[in-house]
């Protein structure tokens, strides 16, 4: 068995010699290959263009949302400041919120 394996691995196989030349029309992509490649390239360009448009829209929407959130937070801070400015001192001037009512 070992002799058969050694004989098969050491045996040289003859290299075939070409009998005729290869037809260049059979090994080149031709017109159809160019058309298909061009269509794939156009499809990729449209997909990238659409993706960039969607990314741009998302960024603009995120920026607008951040501005709205900042305005809302500023409004809440302003209303909280107004509440904090109200007097809670009982000896404060009468008529203000938290102040003592006028005596009379």
Protein backbone atom coordinates (compact mmCIF):
# COMPACT_ATOMS: atom_id res chain seq x y z
CA UNK A 1 0.00 0.00 0.00
CA UNK A 2 2.81 2.32 0.88
CA UNK A 3 4.54 1.64 -2.41
CA UNK A 4 1.38 2.59 -4.32
CA UNK A 5 1.08 5.94 -2.49
CA UNK A 6 4.74 6.75 -3.06
CA UNK A 7 4.41 5.81 -6.73
CA UNK A 8 1.35 8.04 -7.17
CA UNK A 9 2.91 11.05 -5.43
CA UNK A 10 6.23 10.83 -7.23
CA UNK A 11 4.79 10.12 -10.66
CA UNK A 12 4.97 13.16 -12.90
CA UNK A 13 1.94 14.12 -14.85
CA UNK A 14 2.57 15.49 -18.30
CA UNK A 15 1.56 19.10 -18.87
CA UNK A 16 -0.88 19.40 -21.72
CA UNK A 17 0.23 21.58 -24.57
CA UNK A 18 -2.32 23.87 -26.20
CA UNK A 19 -3.34 22.64 -29.60
CA UNK A 20 -4.92 25.90 -30.76
CA UNK A 21 -5.27 29.49 -29.57
CA UNK A 22 -8.13 30.53 -27.32
CA UNK A 23 -10.84 32.68 -28.89
CA UNK A 24 -10.64 36.14 -27.18
CA UNK A 25 -14.42 36.58 -27.48
CA UNK A 26 -14.93 33.60 -25.18
CA UNK A 27 -12.72 34.91 -22.37
CA UNK A 28 -13.68 38.62 -22.34
CA UNK A 29 -16.86 39.95 -20.74
CA UNK A 30 -18.01 41.61 -23.94
CA UNK A 31 -20.82 44.13 -24.26
CA UNK A 32 -23.14 42.34 -21.82
CA UNK A 33 -20.49 42.32 -19.13
CA UNK A 34 -19.99 46.05 -19.54
CA UNK A 35 -23.75 46.71 -19.45
CA UNK A 36 -24.26 44.66 -16.29
CA UNK A 37 -21.25 46.28 -14.59
CA UNK A 38 -22.55 49.75 -15.52
CA UNK A 39 -26.01 48.93 -14.15
CA UNK A 40 -24.53 47.71 -10.87
CA UNK A 41 -22.45 50.91 -10.62
CA UNK A 42 -25.52 53.10 -11.25
CA UNK A 43 -27.51 51.16 -8.64
CA UNK A 44 -24.72 51.63 -6.07
CA UNK A 45 -24.58 55.38 -6.82
CA UNK A 46 -28.34 55.71 -6.28
CA UNK A 47 -28.20 53.69 -3.05
CA UNK A 48 -25.37 55.83 -1.65
CA UNK A 49 -27.22 59.01 -2.66
CA UNK A 50 -30.40 57.83 -0.92
CA UNK A 51 -28.46 56.78 2.19
CA UNK A 52 -26.76 60.19 2.44
CA UNK A 53 -30.13 61.93 2.08
CA UNK A 54 -31.62 59.83 4.88
CA UNK A 55 -28.62 60.45 7.15
CA UNK A 56 -28.85 64.19 6.49
CA UNK A 57 -32.58 64.19 7.33
CA UNK A 58 -31.92 62.30 10.54
CA UNK A 59 -29.25 64.78 11.60
CA UNK A 60 -31.51 67.75 10.89
CA UNK A 61 -34.36 66.16 12.83
CA UNK A 62 -32.02 65.44 15.74
CA UNK A 63 -30.80 69.06 15.73
CA UNK A 64 -34.36 70.36 15.73
CA UNK A 65 -35.30 67.97 18.55
CA UNK A 66 -32.30 69.16 20.60
CA UNK A 67 -33.33 72.80 20.09
CA UNK A 68 -36.91 72.03 21.16
CA UNK A 69 -35.68 70.15 24.22
CA UNK A 70 -33.37 73.05 25.14
CA UNK A 71 -36.22 75.56 24.77
CA UNK A 72 -38.50 73.39 26.90
CA UNK A 73 -35.83 72.98 29.54
CA UNK A 74 -35.21 76.75 29.55
CA UNK A 75 -38.94 77.39 29.97
CA UNK A 76 -39.09 74.94 32.87
CA UNK A 77 -36.04 76.57 34.46
CA UNK A 78 -37.62 80.01 34.07
CA UNK A 79 -40.87 78.87 35.68
CA UNK A 80 -38.93 77.21 38.50
CA UNK A 81 -37.01 80.46 39.01
CA UNK A 82 -40.28 82.39 39.21
CA UNK A 83 -41.51 80.02 41.90
CA UNK A 84 -38.20 80.34 43.74
CA UNK A 85 -38.44 84.15 43.61
CA UNK A 86 -41.77 84.13 45.41
CA UNK A 87 -41.49 85.21 48.98
CA UNK A 88 -42.01 82.66 51.70
CA UNK A 89 -41.00 85.01 54.48
CA UNK A 90 -44.02 85.75 56.70
CA UNK A 91 -42.66 89.21 57.56
CA UNK A 92 -42.45 90.17 53.92
CA UNK A 93 -44.56 92.93 52.43
CA UNK A 94 -48.28 92.20 52.37
CA UNK A 95 -50.01 91.28 49.18
CA UNK A 96 -47.24 89.10 47.81
CA UNK A 97 -47.62 85.39 47.74
CA UNK A 98 -46.45 83.86 50.92
CA UNK A 99 -46.50 87.18 52.72
CA UNK A 100 -48.75 88.04 55.63
CA UNK A 101 -52.19 89.33 54.73
CA UNK A 102 -52.84 92.99 55.45
CA UNK A 103 -54.24 93.63 58.92
CA UNK A 104 -57.18 95.74 59.22
